Amino acid sequence: RLVEAGGGYVQPGGSLRLSCVGSGFTFRDACMKWFRQPPGADREDSELVAAISGTGENPFYDYSVKGRFTISRDNAKSTVYLQMNNLKLEDTGKYLCNFGGDNWGQGTQVTVSS
């Protein structure tokens, strides 16, 4: 099970910190990913935003968020985070975490608007 939290409404340039708590699987061994589901899109069309290995080494970022977002994890808390800075209008969407296959949380909505 995955439970996301931390979304909200923010102006451009603002920041949010998302979290995703995992249970029911060996969290420390899982490559955790954050996806963004754009408004009006199906979950299958979600975009990979960031990913982090079980050890936290060599995180991946989509070019659109590189330098603004930071993915991290705390294996002791079975939690992965996404620190989102300098948010832009195009960052709006439902953010979902995933550890592979059809293992999704319910998502948390991020709305960036002036």
C-alpha atoms as a PDB file:
ATOM      1  CA  ARG A   1       0.000   0.000   0.000  1.00  0.00           C
ATOM      2  CA  LEU A   2       1.156   3.529  -0.791  1.00  0.00           C
ATOM      3  CA  VAL A   3      -0.244   6.679   0.798  1.00  0.00           C
ATOM      4  CA  GLU A   4       0.720  10.094  -0.566  1.00  0.00           C
ATOM      5  CA  ALA A   5       0.321  13.418   1.193  1.00  0.00           C
ATOM      6  CA  GLY A   6       1.509  17.011   1.047  1.00  0.00           C
ATOM      7  CA  GLY A   7      -0.194  18.374  -2.030  1.00  0.00           C
ATOM      8  CA  GLY A   8      -1.959  21.694  -2.123  1.00  0.00           C
ATOM      9  CA  TYR A   9      -2.534  24.998  -3.848  1.00  0.00           C
ATOM     10  CA  VAL A  10       0.505  27.208  -4.380  1.00  0.00           C
ATOM     11  CA  GLN A  11       1.500  30.227  -6.418  1.00  0.00           C
ATOM     12  CA  PRO A  12       4.235  30.049  -9.045  1.00  0.00           C
ATOM     13  CA  GLY A  13       7.630  30.101  -7.383  1.00  0.00           C
ATOM     14  CA  GLY A  14       6.300  28.421  -4.274  1.00  0.00           C
ATOM     15  CA  SER A  15       7.322  25.135  -2.681  1.00  0.00           C
ATOM     16  CA  LEU A  16       5.689  21.940  -1.512  1.00  0.00           C
ATOM     17  CA  ARG A  17       6.992  18.735   0.034  1.00  0.00           C
ATOM     18  CA  LEU A  18       5.241  15.535  -0.876  1.00  0.00           C
ATOM     19  CA  SER A  19       5.531  12.292   1.049  1.00  0.00           C
ATOM     20  CA  CYS A  20       4.616   8.711   0.279  1.00  0.00           C
ATOM     21  CA  VAL A  21       4.491   6.038   2.960  1.00  0.00           C
ATOM     22  CA  GLY A  22       4.776   2.440   1.827  1.00  0.00           C
ATOM     23  CA  SER A  23       3.652  -0.722   3.559  1.00  0.00           C
ATOM     24  CA  GLY A  24       3.169  -4.361   2.690  1.00  0.00           C
ATOM     25  CA  PHE A  25       6.422  -4.733   0.788  1.00  0.00           C
ATOM     26  CA  THR A  26      10.166  -4.509   1.469  1.00  0.00           C
ATOM     27  CA  PHE A  27      10.474  -0.764   1.132  1.00  0.00           C
ATOM     28  CA  ARG A  28      14.264  -0.578   1.398  1.00  0.00           C
ATOM     29  CA  ASP A  29      14.660  -2.806  -1.659  1.00  0.00           C
ATOM     30  CA  ALA A  30      12.220  -0.908  -3.845  1.00  0.00           C
ATOM     31  CA  CYS A  31      13.048   1.688  -6.446  1.00  0.00           C
ATOM     32  CA  MET A  32      10.508   4.385  -5.664  1.00  0.00           C
ATOM     33  CA  LYS A  33       9.110   6.684  -8.316  1.00  0.00           C
ATOM     34  CA  TRP A  34       7.033   9.830  -8.432  1.00  0.00           C
ATOM     35  CA  PHE A  35       4.697  10.335 -11.384  1.00  0.00           C
ATOM     36  CA  ARG A  36       2.599  13.326 -12.388  1.00  0.00           C
ATOM     37  CA  GLN A  37      -0.839  12.768 -13.861  1.00  0.00           C
ATOM     38  CA  PRO A  38      -1.705  15.930 -15.819  1.00  0.00           C
ATOM     39  CA  PRO A  39      -5.222  17.399 -15.545  1.00  0.00           C
ATOM     40  CA  GLY A  40      -7.669  15.435 -17.669  1.00  0.00           C
ATOM     41  CA  ALA A  41      -5.219  12.635 -18.381  1.00  0.00           C
ATOM     42  CA  ASP A  42      -5.585   8.987 -17.498  1.00  0.00           C
ATOM     43  CA  ARG A  43      -3.231   7.481 -14.958  1.00  0.00           C
ATOM     44  CA  GLU A  44      -1.697   5.447 -17.766  1.00  0.00           C
ATOM     45  CA  ASP A  45      -0.514   8.722 -19.295  1.00  0.00           C
ATOM     46  CA  SER A  46       1.270   9.847 -16.142  1.00  0.00           C
ATOM     47  CA  GLU A  47       4.760  11.230 -16.562  1.00  0.00           C
ATOM     48  CA  LEU A  48       7.744   9.993 -14.588  1.00  0.00           C
ATOM     49  CA  VAL A  49       9.057  12.932 -12.591  1.00  0.00           C
ATOM     50  CA  ALA A  50      11.722  11.393 -10.360  1.00  0.00           C
ATOM     51  CA  ALA A  51      12.981   8.037  -9.131  1.00  0.00           C
ATOM     52  CA  ILE A  52      15.292   6.835  -6.386  1.00  0.00           C
ATOM     53  CA  SER A  53      16.919   3.475  -5.768  1.00  0.00           C
ATOM     54  CA  GLY A  54      16.697   1.590  -2.503  1.00  0.00           C
ATOM     55  CA  THR A  55      20.044   2.962  -1.379  1.00  0.00           C
ATOM     56  CA  GLY A  56      19.226   6.498  -2.504  1.00  0.00           C
ATOM     57  CA  GLU A  57      22.084   6.675  -4.968  1.00  0.00           C
ATOM     58  CA  ASN A  58      21.915   8.260  -8.419  1.00  0.00           C
ATOM     59  CA  PRO A  59      18.391   9.643  -8.366  1.00  0.00           C
ATOM     60  CA  PHE A  60      16.677  10.263 -11.687  1.00  0.00           C
ATOM     61  CA  TYR A  61      14.903  13.482 -12.631  1.00  0.00           C
ATOM     62  CA  ASP A  62      12.914  14.408 -15.693  1.00  0.00           C
ATOM     63  CA  TYR A  63      14.555  17.332 -17.478  1.00  0.00           C
ATOM     64  CA  SER A  64      11.536  19.518 -16.697  1.00  0.00           C
ATOM     65  CA  VAL A  65      12.129  19.341 -12.938  1.00  0.00           C
ATOM     66  CA  LYS A  66      15.880  18.968 -12.705  1.00  0.00           C
ATOM     67  CA  GLY A  67      17.333  21.580 -10.395  1.00  0.00           C
ATOM     68  CA  ARG A  68      13.955  22.338  -8.824  1.00  0.00           C
ATOM     69  CA  PHE A  69      12.784  19.020  -7.370  1.00  0.00           C
ATOM     70  CA  THR A  70      14.642  16.704  -5.002  1.00  0.00           C
ATOM     71  CA  ILE A  71      13.664  13.122  -4.318  1.00  0.00           C
ATOM     72  CA  SER A  72      14.808  11.486  -1.092  1.00  0.00           C
ATOM     73  CA  ARG A  73      13.852   8.581   1.111  1.00  0.00           C
ATOM     74  CA  ASP A  74      13.940   7.451   4.711  1.00  0.00           C
ATOM     75  CA  ASN A  75      13.934   3.672   4.747  1.00  0.00           C
ATOM     76  CA  ALA A  76      13.484   3.579   8.527  1.00  0.00           C
ATOM     77  CA  LYS A  77      10.142   5.329   8.005  1.00  0.00           C
ATOM     78  CA  SER A  78       9.299   3.572   4.725  1.00  0.00           C
ATOM     79  CA  THR A  79       8.801   7.001   3.232  1.00  0.00           C
ATOM     80  CA  VAL A  80       9.855   8.682   0.020  1.00  0.00           C
ATOM     81  CA  TYR A  81       9.730  12.452  -0.362  1.00  0.00           C
ATOM     82  CA  LEU A  82       9.579  14.909  -3.209  1.00  0.00           C
ATOM     83  CA  GLN A  83      10.719  18.427  -2.370  1.00  0.00           C
ATOM     84  CA  MET A  84       9.316  20.745  -5.028  1.00  0.00           C
ATOM     85  CA  ASN A  85      10.784  24.250  -5.278  1.00  0.00           C
ATOM     86  CA  ASN A  86      10.222  27.087  -7.718  1.00  0.00           C
ATOM     87  CA  LEU A  87       6.965  25.511  -8.822  1.00  0.00           C
ATOM     88  CA  LYS A  88       5.627  26.360 -12.264  1.00  0.00           C
ATOM     89  CA  LEU A  89       2.133  26.292 -13.730  1.00  0.00           C
ATOM     90  CA  GLU A  90       2.999  23.181 -15.722  1.00  0.00           C
ATOM     91  CA  ASP A  91       3.788  21.270 -12.528  1.00  0.00           C
ATOM     92  CA  THR A  92       0.059  21.092 -11.821  1.00  0.00           C
ATOM     93  CA  GLY A  93      -1.333  17.577 -11.586  1.00  0.00           C
ATOM     94  CA  LYS A  94      -1.966  14.626  -9.351  1.00  0.00           C
ATOM     95  CA  TYR A  95       1.288  13.229  -8.007  1.00  0.00           C
ATOM     96  CA  LEU A  96       1.433   9.497  -7.457  1.00  0.00           C
ATOM     97  CA  CYS A  97       4.136   7.236  -6.119  1.00  0.00           C
ATOM     98  CA  ASN A  98       4.850   3.803  -7.463  1.00  0.00           C
ATOM     99  CA  PHE A  99       7.309   0.994  -6.865  1.00  0.00           C
ATOM    100  CA  GLY A 100       6.757  -0.894 -10.055  1.00  0.00           C
ATOM    101  CA  GLY A 101       3.927  -2.609 -11.870  1.00  0.00           C
ATOM    102  CA  ASP A 102       0.406  -1.628 -10.960  1.00  0.00           C
ATOM    103  CA  ASN A 103       1.303  -0.540  -7.435  1.00  0.00           C
ATOM    104  CA  TRP A 104      -0.052   2.979  -7.048  1.00  0.00           C
ATOM    105  CA  GLY A 105      -1.178   5.195  -4.244  1.00  0.00           C
ATOM    106  CA  GLN A 106      -4.287   7.350  -4.440  1.00  0.00           C
ATOM    107  CA  GLY A 107      -2.228  10.418  -5.296  1.00  0.00           C
ATOM    108  CA  THR A 108      -2.043  13.946  -3.945  1.00  0.00           C
ATOM    109  CA  GLN A 109      -3.150  16.968  -5.949  1.00  0.00           C
ATOM    110  CA  VAL A 110      -0.754  19.820  -6.663  1.00  0.00           C
ATOM    111  CA  THR A 111      -2.198  22.981  -8.164  1.00  0.00           C
ATOM    112  CA  VAL A 112       0.100  25.821  -9.178  1.00  0.00           C
ATOM    113  CA  SER A 113      -1.829  28.933 -10.037  1.00  0.00           C
ATOM    114  CA  SER A 114      -1.545  32.690  -9.723  1.00  0.00           C
END
